[in-house]
Amino acid sequence: LSSFALIDGVPRWRWRIGDVVIEREIATVHGRPAVS
């Protein structure tokens, strides 16, 4: 992991593997049991 950020309530991770950087974001869907 190179960083974690909580931006406007949304968590974001970034991993660095050499020159490769991968990002993950997660969000629920307000008003129903669902996640992206």
Full PDB file with SEQRES, HELIX, SHEET, SSBOND, CRYST1, ORIGX, SCALE, CONECT and MASTER records, all heavy atoms in Angstrom:
SEQRES   1 A   36  LEU SER SER PHE ALA LEU ILE ASP GLY VAL PRO ARG TRP          
SEQRES   2 A   36  ARG TRP ARG ILE GLY ASP VAL VAL ILE GLU ARG GLU ILE          
SEQRES   3 A   36  ALA THR VAL HIS GLY ARG PRO ALA VAL SER                      
SHEET    1 AA1 3 SER A   3  ILE A   7  0                                        
SHEET    2 AA1 3 VAL A  10  ILE A  17 -1                                        
SHEET    3 AA1 3 VAL A  20  GLU A  25 -1                                        
CRYST1    1.000    1.000    1.000  90.00  90.00  90.00 P 1           1          
ORIGX1      1.000000  0.000000  0.000000        0.00000                         
ORIGX2      0.000000  1.000000  0.000000        0.00000                         
ORIGX3      0.000000  0.000000  1.000000        0.00000                         
SCALE1      1.000000  0.000000  0.000000        0.00000                         
SCALE2      0.000000  1.000000  0.000000        0.00000                         
SCALE3      0.000000  0.000000  1.000000        0.00000                         
ATOM      1  N   LEU A   1       0.827  -1.200   0.000  1.00  0.00           N  
ATOM      2  CA  LEU A   1       0.000   0.000   0.000  1.00  0.00           C  
ATOM      3  C   LEU A   1       0.866   1.256   0.000  1.00  0.00           C  
ATOM      4  O   LEU A   1       1.809   1.382   0.787  1.00  0.00           O  
ATOM      5  CB  LEU A   1      -0.920   0.027   1.215  1.00  0.00           C  
ATOM      6  CG  LEU A   1      -2.172  -0.851   1.138  1.00  0.00           C  
ATOM      7  CD1 LEU A   1      -2.830  -0.965   2.504  1.00  0.00           C  
ATOM      8  CD2 LEU A   1      -3.159  -0.291   0.113  1.00  0.00           C  
ATOM      9  N   SER A   2       0.528   2.184  -0.883  1.00  0.00           N  
ATOM     10  CA  SER A   2       1.214   3.479  -0.889  1.00  0.00           C  
ATOM     11  C   SER A   2       0.390   4.552  -0.199  1.00  0.00           C  
ATOM     12  O   SER A   2       0.945   5.539   0.287  1.00  0.00           O  
ATOM     13  CB  SER A   2       1.532   3.920  -2.320  1.00  0.00           C  
ATOM     14  OG  SER A   2       0.341   4.084  -3.068  1.00  0.00           O  
ATOM     15  N   SER A   3      -0.938   4.349  -0.144  1.00  0.00           N  
ATOM     16  CA  SER A   3      -1.768   5.350   0.530  1.00  0.00           C  
ATOM     17  C   SER A   3      -3.164   4.804   0.780  1.00  0.00           C  
ATOM     18  O   SER A   3      -3.623   3.859   0.123  1.00  0.00           O  
ATOM     19  CB  SER A   3      -1.874   6.640  -0.292  1.00  0.00           C  
ATOM     20  OG  SER A   3      -2.629   6.420  -1.475  1.00  0.00           O  
ATOM     21  N   PHE A   4      -3.810   5.423   1.752  1.00  0.00           N  
ATOM     22  CA  PHE A   4      -5.246   5.262   1.996  1.00  0.00           C  
ATOM     23  C   PHE A   4      -5.801   6.659   2.161  1.00  0.00           C  
ATOM     24  O   PHE A   4      -5.183   7.512   2.815  1.00  0.00           O  
ATOM     25  CB  PHE A   4      -5.514   4.449   3.264  1.00  0.00           C  
ATOM     26  CG  PHE A   4      -6.970   4.471   3.690  1.00  0.00           C  
ATOM     27  CD1 PHE A   4      -7.849   3.503   3.231  1.00  0.00           C  
ATOM     28  CD2 PHE A   4      -7.463   5.474   4.520  1.00  0.00           C  
ATOM     29  CE1 PHE A   4      -9.190   3.525   3.605  1.00  0.00           C  
ATOM     30  CE2 PHE A   4      -8.802   5.513   4.900  1.00  0.00           C  
ATOM     31  CZ  PHE A   4      -9.664   4.529   4.434  1.00  0.00           C  
ATOM     32  N   ALA A   5      -6.990   6.900   1.601  1.00  0.00           N  
ATOM     33  CA  ALA A   5      -7.632   8.206   1.752  1.00  0.00           C  
ATOM     34  C   ALA A   5      -9.129   8.014   1.916  1.00  0.00           C  
ATOM     35  O   ALA A   5      -9.727   7.152   1.269  1.00  0.00           O  
ATOM     36  CB  ALA A   5      -7.348   9.096   0.548  1.00  0.00           C  
ATOM     37  N   LEU A   6      -9.714   8.806   2.811  1.00  0.00           N  
ATOM     38  CA  LEU A   6     -11.166   8.865   2.958  1.00  0.00           C  
ATOM     39  C   LEU A   6     -11.584  10.232   2.449  1.00  0.00           C  
ATOM     40  O   LEU A   6     -11.346  11.251   3.098  1.00  0.00           O  
ATOM     41  CB  LEU A   6     -11.554   8.671   4.424  1.00  0.00           C  
ATOM     42  CG  LEU A   6     -13.038   8.449   4.713  1.00  0.00           C  
ATOM     43  CD1 LEU A   6     -13.501   7.108   4.146  1.00  0.00           C  
ATOM     44  CD2 LEU A   6     -13.315   8.504   6.215  1.00  0.00           C  
ATOM     45  N   ILE A   7     -12.167  10.255   1.239  1.00  0.00           N  
ATOM     46  CA  ILE A   7     -12.470  11.505   0.545  1.00  0.00           C  
ATOM     47  C   ILE A   7     -13.978  11.615   0.374  1.00  0.00           C  
ATOM     48  O   ILE A   7     -14.612  10.780  -0.275  1.00  0.00           O  
ATOM     49  CB  ILE A   7     -11.781  11.549  -0.829  1.00  0.00           C  
ATOM     50  CG1 ILE A   7     -10.264  11.365  -0.663  1.00  0.00           C  
ATOM     51  CG2 ILE A   7     -12.083  12.860  -1.541  1.00  0.00           C  
ATOM     52  CD1 ILE A   7      -9.530  11.179  -1.976  1.00  0.00           C  
ATOM     53  N   ASP A   8     -14.563  12.659   0.979  1.00  0.00           N  
ATOM     54  CA  ASP A   8     -16.014  12.820   0.965  1.00  0.00           C  
ATOM     55  C   ASP A   8     -16.713  11.547   1.428  1.00  0.00           C  
ATOM     56  O   ASP A   8     -17.765  11.173   0.917  1.00  0.00           O  
ATOM     57  CB  ASP A   8     -16.518  13.215  -0.430  1.00  0.00           C  
ATOM     58  CG  ASP A   8     -16.095  14.617  -0.824  1.00  0.00           C  
ATOM     59  OD1 ASP A   8     -15.866  15.444   0.084  1.00  0.00           O  
ATOM     60  OD2 ASP A   8     -15.990  14.890  -2.031  1.00  0.00           O  
ATOM     61  N   GLY A   9     -16.106  10.869   2.400  1.00  0.00           N  
ATOM     62  CA  GLY A   9     -16.717   9.674   2.968  1.00  0.00           C  
ATOM     63  C   GLY A   9     -16.490   8.393   2.204  1.00  0.00           C  
ATOM     64  O   GLY A   9     -16.959   7.329   2.627  1.00  0.00           O  
ATOM     65  N   VAL A  10     -15.759   8.444   1.104  1.00  0.00           N  
ATOM     66  CA  VAL A  10     -15.499   7.256   0.284  1.00  0.00           C  
ATOM     67  C   VAL A  10     -14.057   6.808   0.487  1.00  0.00           C  
ATOM     68  O   VAL A  10     -13.127   7.592   0.277  1.00  0.00           O  
ATOM     69  CB  VAL A  10     -15.751   7.546  -1.211  1.00  0.00           C  
ATOM     70  CG1 VAL A  10     -15.348   6.351  -2.073  1.00  0.00           C  
ATOM     71  CG2 VAL A  10     -17.221   7.892  -1.442  1.00  0.00           C  
ATOM     72  N   PRO A  11     -13.832   5.544   0.893  1.00  0.00           N  
ATOM     73  CA  PRO A  11     -12.455   5.075   1.097  1.00  0.00           C  
ATOM     74  C   PRO A  11     -11.772   4.725  -0.224  1.00  0.00           C  
ATOM     75  O   PRO A  11     -12.388   4.171  -1.140  1.00  0.00           O  
ATOM     76  CB  PRO A  11     -12.639   3.826   1.963  1.00  0.00           C  
ATOM     77  CG  PRO A  11     -13.996   3.325   1.619  1.00  0.00           C  
ATOM     78  CD  PRO A  11     -14.833   4.533   1.286  1.00  0.00           C  
ATOM     79  N   ARG A  12     -10.480   5.033  -0.296  1.00  0.00           N  
ATOM     80  CA  ARG A  12      -9.696   4.759  -1.498  1.00  0.00           C  
ATOM     81  C   ARG A  12      -8.315   4.227  -1.091  1.00  0.00           C  
ATOM     82  O   ARG A  12      -7.657   4.798  -0.232  1.00  0.00           O  
ATOM     83  CB  ARG A  12      -9.508   6.028  -2.330  1.00  0.00           C  
ATOM     84  CG  ARG A  12      -8.810   5.807  -3.673  1.00  0.00           C  
ATOM     85  CD  ARG A  12      -8.384   7.125  -4.289  1.00  0.00           C  
ATOM     86  NE  ARG A  12      -7.227   7.683  -3.585  1.00  0.00           N  
ATOM     87  CZ  ARG A  12      -6.773   8.928  -3.762  1.00  0.00           C  
ATOM     88  NH1 ARG A  12      -7.411   9.753  -4.573  1.00  0.00           N  
ATOM     89  NH2 ARG A  12      -5.702   9.353  -3.104  1.00  0.00           N  
ATOM     90  N   TRP A  13      -7.960   3.109  -1.679  1.00  0.00           N  
ATOM     91  CA  TRP A  13      -6.630   2.530  -1.455  1.00  0.00           C  
ATOM     92  C   TRP A  13      -5.812   2.615  -2.743  1.00  0.00           C  
ATOM     93  O   TRP A  13      -6.359   2.496  -3.844  1.00  0.00           O  
ATOM     94  CB  TRP A  13      -6.727   1.051  -1.087  1.00  0.00           C  
ATOM     95  CG  TRP A  13      -7.364   0.750   0.227  1.00  0.00           C  
ATOM     96  CD1 TRP A  13      -6.744   0.453   1.399  1.00  0.00           C  
ATOM     97  CD2 TRP A  13      -8.781   0.685   0.507  1.00  0.00           C  
ATOM     98  NE1 TRP A  13      -7.669   0.212   2.397  1.00  0.00           N  
ATOM     99  CE2 TRP A  13      -8.919   0.354   1.868  1.00  0.00           C  
ATOM    100  CE3 TRP A  13      -9.929   0.893  -0.272  1.00  0.00           C  
ATOM    101  CZ2 TRP A  13     -10.169   0.201   2.468  1.00  0.00           C  
ATOM    102  CZ3 TRP A  13     -11.172   0.755   0.325  1.00  0.00           C  
ATOM    103  CH2 TRP A  13     -11.285   0.414   1.686  1.00  0.00           C  
ATOM    104  N   ARG A  14      -4.497   2.784  -2.616  1.00  0.00           N  
ATOM    105  CA  ARG A  14      -3.591   2.665  -3.752  1.00  0.00           C  
ATOM    106  C   ARG A  14      -2.424   1.759  -3.381  1.00  0.00           C  
ATOM    107  O   ARG A  14      -1.795   1.940  -2.346  1.00  0.00           O  
ATOM    108  CB  ARG A  14      -3.089   4.033  -4.216  1.00  0.00           C  
ATOM    109  CG  ARG A  14      -4.149   4.819  -4.975  1.00  0.00           C  
ATOM    110  CD  ARG A  14      -3.622   6.110  -5.550  1.00  0.00           C  
ATOM    111  NE  ARG A  14      -4.653   6.747  -6.367  1.00  0.00           N  
ATOM    112  CZ  ARG A  14      -4.524   7.942  -6.937  1.00  0.00           C  
ATOM    113  NH1 ARG A  14      -3.389   8.631  -6.777  1.00  0.00           N  
ATOM    114  NH2 ARG A  14      -5.506   8.455  -7.664  1.00  0.00           N  
ATOM    115  N   TRP A  15      -2.177   0.779  -4.241  1.00  0.00           N  
ATOM    116  CA  TRP A  15      -1.038  -0.117  -4.096  1.00  0.00           C  
ATOM    117  C   TRP A  15      -0.011   0.211  -5.184  1.00  0.00           C  
ATOM    118  O   TRP A  15      -0.370   0.495  -6.331  1.00  0.00           O  
ATOM    119  CB  TRP A  15      -1.442  -1.574  -4.286  1.00  0.00           C  
ATOM    120  CG  TRP A  15      -2.345  -2.167  -3.241  1.00  0.00           C  
ATOM    121  CD1 TRP A  15      -1.965  -2.843  -2.118  1.00  0.00           C  
ATOM    122  CD2 TRP A  15      -3.777  -2.199  -3.258  1.00  0.00           C  
ATOM    123  NE1 TRP A  15      -3.065  -3.298  -1.427  1.00  0.00           N  
ATOM    124  CE2 TRP A  15      -4.189  -2.910  -2.102  1.00  0.00           C  
ATOM    125  CE3 TRP A  15      -4.756  -1.692  -4.122  1.00  0.00           C  
ATOM    126  CZ2 TRP A  15      -5.531  -3.131  -1.795  1.00  0.00           C  
ATOM    127  CZ3 TRP A  15      -6.099  -1.904  -3.819  1.00  0.00           C  
ATOM    128  CH2 TRP A  15      -6.469  -2.613  -2.672  1.00  0.00           C  
ATOM    129  N   ARG A  16       1.251   0.165  -4.838  1.00  0.00           N  
ATOM    130  CA  ARG A  16       2.310   0.345  -5.821  1.00  0.00           C  
ATOM    131  C   ARG A  16       3.139  -0.925  -5.889  1.00  0.00           C  
ATOM    132  O   ARG A  16       3.662  -1.405  -4.876  1.00  0.00           O  
ATOM    133  CB  ARG A  16       3.204   1.538  -5.478  1.00  0.00           C  
ATOM    134  CG  ARG A  16       4.396   1.697  -6.430  1.00  0.00           C  
ATOM    135  CD  ARG A  16       5.211   2.932  -6.137  1.00  0.00           C  
ATOM    136  NE  ARG A  16       4.522   4.157  -6.522  1.00  0.00           N  
ATOM    137  CZ  ARG A  16       4.469   4.638  -7.759  1.00  0.00           C  
ATOM    138  NH1 ARG A  16       5.068   3.964  -8.767  1.00  0.00           N  
ATOM    139  NH2 ARG A  16       3.838   5.759  -8.024  1.00  0.00           N  
ATOM    140  N   ILE A  17       3.259  -1.465  -7.117  1.00  0.00           N  
ATOM    141  CA  ILE A  17       4.110  -2.611  -7.395  1.00  0.00           C  
ATOM    142  C   ILE A  17       5.079  -2.158  -8.473  1.00  0.00           C  
ATOM    143  O   ILE A  17       4.790  -2.232  -9.677  1.00  0.00           O  
ATOM    144  CB  ILE A  17       3.290  -3.830  -7.874  1.00  0.00           C  
ATOM    145  CG1 ILE A  17       2.145  -4.112  -6.897  1.00  0.00           C  
ATOM    146  CG2 ILE A  17       4.175  -5.061  -8.016  1.00  0.00           C  
ATOM    147  CD1 ILE A  17       0.832  -3.472  -7.277  1.00  0.00           C  
ATOM    148  N   GLY A  18       6.226  -1.609  -8.056  1.00  0.00           N  
ATOM    149  CA  GLY A  18       7.146  -1.012  -9.023  1.00  0.00           C  
ATOM    150  C   GLY A  18       6.500   0.198  -9.664  1.00  0.00           C  
ATOM    151  O   GLY A  18       6.068   1.126  -8.969  1.00  0.00           O  
ATOM    152  N   ASP A  19       6.413   0.175 -11.011  1.00  0.00           N  
ATOM    153  CA  ASP A  19       5.805   1.313 -11.695  1.00  0.00           C  
ATOM    154  C   ASP A  19       4.296   1.173 -11.847  1.00  0.00           C  
ATOM    155  O   ASP A  19       3.625   2.063 -12.377  1.00  0.00           O  
ATOM    156  CB  ASP A  19       6.448   1.504 -13.074  1.00  0.00           C  
ATOM    157  CG  ASP A  19       6.146   0.347 -14.016  1.00  0.00           C  
ATOM    158  OD1 ASP A  19       5.812  -0.749 -13.523  1.00  0.00           O  
ATOM    159  OD2 ASP A  19       6.255   0.549 -15.250  1.00  0.00           O  
ATOM    160  N   VAL A  20       3.730   0.054 -11.379  1.00  0.00           N  
ATOM    161  CA  VAL A  20       2.283  -0.184 -11.485  1.00  0.00           C  
ATOM    162  C   VAL A  20       1.586   0.349 -10.227  1.00  0.00           C  
ATOM    163  O   VAL A  20       1.991   0.048  -9.102  1.00  0.00           O  
ATOM    164  CB  VAL A  20       1.986  -1.686 -11.649  1.00  0.00           C  
ATOM    165  CG1 VAL A  20       0.487  -1.950 -11.594  1.00  0.00           C  
ATOM    166  CG2 VAL A  20       2.577  -2.194 -12.959  1.00  0.00           C  
ATOM    167  N   VAL A  21       0.547   1.153 -10.439  1.00  0.00           N  
ATOM    168  CA  VAL A  21      -0.264   1.674  -9.334  1.00  0.00           C  
ATOM    169  C   VAL A  21      -1.714   1.272  -9.573  1.00  0.00           C  
ATOM    170  O   VAL A  21      -2.290   1.557 -10.633  1.00  0.00           O  
ATOM    171  CB  VAL A  21      -0.160   3.205  -9.222  1.00  0.00           C  
ATOM    172  CG1 VAL A  21      -1.060   3.715  -8.081  1.00  0.00           C  
ATOM    173  CG2 VAL A  21       1.285   3.616  -8.969  1.00  0.00           C  
ATOM    174  N   ILE A  22      -2.296   0.613  -8.585  1.00  0.00           N  
ATOM    175  CA  ILE A  22      -3.677   0.143  -8.644  1.00  0.00           C  
ATOM    176  C   ILE A  22      -4.489   0.848  -7.568  1.00  0.00           C  
ATOM    177  O   ILE A  22      -4.028   1.002  -6.430  1.00  0.00           O  
ATOM    178  CB  ILE A  22      -3.757  -1.387  -8.431  1.00  0.00           C  
ATOM    179  CG1 ILE A  22      -2.870  -2.111  -9.436  1.00  0.00           C  
ATOM    180  CG2 ILE A  22      -5.202  -1.868  -8.519  1.00  0.00           C  
ATOM    181  CD1 ILE A  22      -3.251  -1.887 -10.879  1.00  0.00           C  
ATOM    182  N   GLU A  23      -5.696   1.251  -7.917  1.00  0.00           N  
ATOM    183  CA  GLU A  23      -6.574   1.963  -6.989  1.00  0.00           C  
ATOM    184  C   GLU A  23      -7.867   1.184  -6.777  1.00  0.00           C  
ATOM    185  O   GLU A  23      -8.400   0.577  -7.710  1.00  0.00           O  
ATOM    186  CB  GLU A  23      -6.903   3.348  -7.550  1.00  0.00           C  
ATOM    187  CG  GLU A  23      -7.845   4.174  -6.695  1.00  0.00           C  
ATOM    188  CD  GLU A  23      -8.115   5.529  -7.312  1.00  0.00           C  
ATOM    189  OE1 GLU A  23      -7.288   6.435  -7.102  1.00  0.00           O  
ATOM    190  OE2 GLU A  23      -9.141   5.678  -8.022  1.00  0.00           O  
ATOM    191  N   ARG A  24      -8.342   1.188  -5.529  1.00  0.00           N  
ATOM    192  CA  ARG A  24      -9.648   0.604  -5.196  1.00  0.00           C  
ATOM    193  C   ARG A  24     -10.490   1.653  -4.485  1.00  0.00           C  
ATOM    194  O   ARG A  24      -9.995   2.371  -3.608  1.00  0.00           O  
ATOM    195  CB  ARG A  24      -9.488  -0.608  -4.283  1.00  0.00           C  
ATOM    196  CG  ARG A  24     -10.776  -1.015  -3.551  1.00  0.00           C  
ATOM    197  CD  ARG A  24     -10.591  -2.149  -2.555  1.00  0.00           C  
ATOM    198  NE  ARG A  24     -10.743  -3.440  -3.205  1.00  0.00           N  
ATOM    199  CZ  ARG A  24     -10.971  -4.578  -2.553  1.00  0.00           C  
ATOM    200  NH1 ARG A  24     -11.065  -4.589  -1.235  1.00  0.00           N  
ATOM    201  NH2 ARG A  24     -11.087  -5.716  -3.213  1.00  0.00           N  
ATOM    202  N   GLU A  25     -11.775   1.744  -4.869  1.00  0.00           N  
ATOM    203  CA  GLU A  25     -12.748   2.566  -4.150  1.00  0.00           C  
ATOM    204  C   GLU A  25     -13.983   1.716  -3.879  1.00  0.00           C  
ATOM    205  O   GLU A  25     -14.360   0.865  -4.700  1.00  0.00           O  
ATOM    206  CB  GLU A  25     -13.129   3.814  -4.943  1.00  0.00           C  
ATOM    207  CG  GLU A  25     -12.001   4.833  -5.037  1.00  0.00           C  
ATOM    208  CD  GLU A  25     -12.435   6.101  -5.735  1.00  0.00           C  
ATOM    209  OE1 GLU A  25     -12.945   6.015  -6.873  1.00  0.00           O  
ATOM    210  OE2 GLU A  25     -12.244   7.186  -5.152  1.00  0.00           O  
ATOM    211  N   ILE A  26     -14.614   1.974  -2.735  1.00  0.00           N  
ATOM    212  CA  ILE A  26     -15.810   1.239  -2.336  1.00  0.00           C  
ATOM    213  C   ILE A  26     -16.892   2.249  -1.976  1.00  0.00           C  
ATOM    214  O   ILE A  26     -16.621   3.269  -1.331  1.00  0.00           O  
ATOM    215  CB  ILE A  26     -15.534   0.327  -1.127  1.00  0.00           C  
ATOM    216  CG1 ILE A  26     -14.404  -0.649  -1.429  1.00  0.00           C  
ATOM    217  CG2 ILE A  26     -16.790  -0.442  -0.719  1.00  0.00           C  
ATOM    218  CD1 ILE A  26     -13.991  -1.490  -0.220  1.00  0.00           C  
ATOM    219  N   ALA A  27     -18.132   1.949  -2.381  1.00  0.00           N  
ATOM    220  CA  ALA A  27     -19.261   2.794  -2.006  1.00  0.00           C  
ATOM    221  C   ALA A  27     -20.504   1.935  -1.856  1.00  0.00           C  
ATOM    222  O   ALA A  27     -20.711   0.996  -2.630  1.00  0.00           O  
ATOM    223  CB  ALA A  27     -19.505   3.879  -3.052  1.00  0.00           C  
ATOM    224  N   THR A  28     -21.303   2.242  -0.857  1.00  0.00           N  
ATOM    225  CA  THR A  28     -22.611   1.614  -0.741  1.00  0.00           C  
ATOM    226  C   THR A  28     -23.621   2.433  -1.533  1.00  0.00           C  
ATOM    227  O   THR A  28     -23.365   3.574  -1.913  1.00  0.00           O  
ATOM    228  CB  THR A  28     -23.045   1.532   0.733  1.00  0.00           C  
ATOM    229  OG1 THR A  28     -22.836   2.809   1.356  1.00  0.00           O  
ATOM    230  CG2 THR A  28     -22.257   0.467   1.480  1.00  0.00           C  
ATOM    231  N   VAL A  29     -24.782   1.841  -1.772  1.00  0.00           N  
ATOM    232  CA  VAL A  29     -25.867   2.512  -2.496  1.00  0.00           C  
ATOM    233  C   VAL A  29     -26.893   2.942  -1.462  1.00  0.00           C  
ATOM    234  O   VAL A  29     -27.524   2.092  -0.823  1.00  0.00           O  
ATOM    235  CB  VAL A  29     -26.497   1.581  -3.542  1.00  0.00           C  
ATOM    236  CG1 VAL A  29     -27.634   2.295  -4.272  1.00  0.00           C  
ATOM    237  CG2 VAL A  29     -25.440   1.101  -4.527  1.00  0.00           C  
ATOM    238  N   HIS A  30     -27.048   4.243  -1.278  1.00  0.00           N  
ATOM    239  CA  HIS A  30     -27.914   4.735  -0.216  1.00  0.00           C  
ATOM    240  C   HIS A  30     -29.369   4.337  -0.463  1.00  0.00           C  
ATOM    241  O   HIS A  30     -29.910   4.539  -1.546  1.00  0.00           O  
ATOM    242  CB  HIS A  30     -27.820   6.256  -0.102  1.00  0.00           C  
ATOM    243  CG  HIS A  30     -28.512   6.797   1.117  1.00  0.00           C  
ATOM    244  ND1 HIS A  30     -27.943   6.749   2.368  1.00  0.00           N  
ATOM    245  CD2 HIS A  30     -29.733   7.368   1.273  1.00  0.00           C  
ATOM    246  CE1 HIS A  30     -28.779   7.276   3.247  1.00  0.00           C  
ATOM    247  NE2 HIS A  30     -29.862   7.667   2.606  1.00  0.00           N  
ATOM    248  N   GLY A  31     -29.970   3.753   0.580  1.00  0.00           N  
ATOM    249  CA  GLY A  31     -31.378   3.395   0.495  1.00  0.00           C  
ATOM    250  C   GLY A  31     -31.649   1.941   0.181  1.00  0.00           C  
ATOM    251  O   GLY A  31     -32.801   1.520   0.143  1.00  0.00           O  
ATOM    252  N   ARG A  32     -30.586   1.149  -0.032  1.00  0.00           N  
ATOM    253  CA  ARG A  32     -30.771  -0.279  -0.282  1.00  0.00           C  
ATOM    254  C   ARG A  32     -29.496  -1.030   0.113  1.00  0.00           C  
ATOM    255  O   ARG A  32     -28.413  -0.439   0.149  1.00  0.00           O  
ATOM    256  CB  ARG A  32     -31.106  -0.544  -1.754  1.00  0.00           C  
ATOM    257  CG  ARG A  32     -30.026  -0.128  -2.726  1.00  0.00           C  
ATOM    258  CD  ARG A  32     -30.414  -0.421  -4.169  1.00  0.00           C  
ATOM    259  NE  ARG A  32     -30.579  -1.855  -4.415  1.00  0.00           N  
ATOM    260  CZ  ARG A  32     -30.751  -2.393  -5.623  1.00  0.00           C  
ATOM    261  NH1 ARG A  32     -30.787  -1.620  -6.696  1.00  0.00           N  
ATOM    262  NH2 ARG A  32     -30.908  -3.689  -5.776  1.00  0.00           N  
ATOM    263  N   PRO A  33     -29.593  -2.327   0.391  1.00  0.00           N  
ATOM    264  CA  PRO A  33     -28.404  -3.103   0.754  1.00  0.00           C  
ATOM    265  C   PRO A  33     -27.598  -3.473  -0.483  1.00  0.00           C  
ATOM    266  O   PRO A  33     -27.842  -4.508  -1.122  1.00  0.00           O  
ATOM    267  CB  PRO A  33     -28.990  -4.334   1.452  1.00  0.00           C  
ATOM    268  CG  PRO A  33     -30.350  -4.497   0.847  1.00  0.00           C  
ATOM    269  CD  PRO A  33     -30.836  -3.114   0.518  1.00  0.00           C  
ATOM    270  N   ALA A  34     -26.647  -2.622  -0.826  1.00  0.00           N  
ATOM    271  CA  ALA A  34     -25.872  -2.827  -2.048  1.00  0.00           C  
ATOM    272  C   ALA A  34     -24.533  -2.128  -1.916  1.00  0.00           C  
ATOM    273  O   ALA A  34     -24.414  -1.088  -1.258  1.00  0.00           O  
ATOM    274  CB  ALA A  34     -26.629  -2.298  -3.269  1.00  0.00           C  
ATOM    275  N   VAL A  35     -23.506  -2.706  -2.576  1.00  0.00           N  
ATOM    276  CA  VAL A  35     -22.171  -2.142  -2.522  1.00  0.00           C  
ATOM    277  C   VAL A  35     -21.496  -2.278  -3.878  1.00  0.00           C  
ATOM    278  O   VAL A  35     -21.757  -3.227  -4.619  1.00  0.00           O  
ATOM    279  CB  VAL A  35     -21.320  -2.838  -1.423  1.00  0.00           C  
ATOM    280  CG1 VAL A  35     -21.088  -4.298  -1.753  1.00  0.00           C  
ATOM    281  CG2 VAL A  35     -19.998  -2.104  -1.194  1.00  0.00           C  
ATOM    282  N   SER A  36     -20.668  -1.297  -4.191  1.00  0.00           N  
ATOM    283  CA  SER A  36     -19.881  -1.297  -5.425  1.00  0.00           C  
ATOM    284  C   SER A  36     -18.412  -1.253  -5.061  1.00  0.00           C  
ATOM    285  O   SER A  36     -17.992  -0.431  -4.236  1.00  0.00           O  
ATOM    286  CB  SER A  36     -20.240  -0.073  -6.289  1.00  0.00           C  
ATOM    287  OG  SER A  36     -19.284   0.133  -7.302  1.00  0.00           O  
TER     288      SER A  36                                                      
MASTER        0    0    0    0    3    0    0    6  287    1    0    3          
END                                                                             
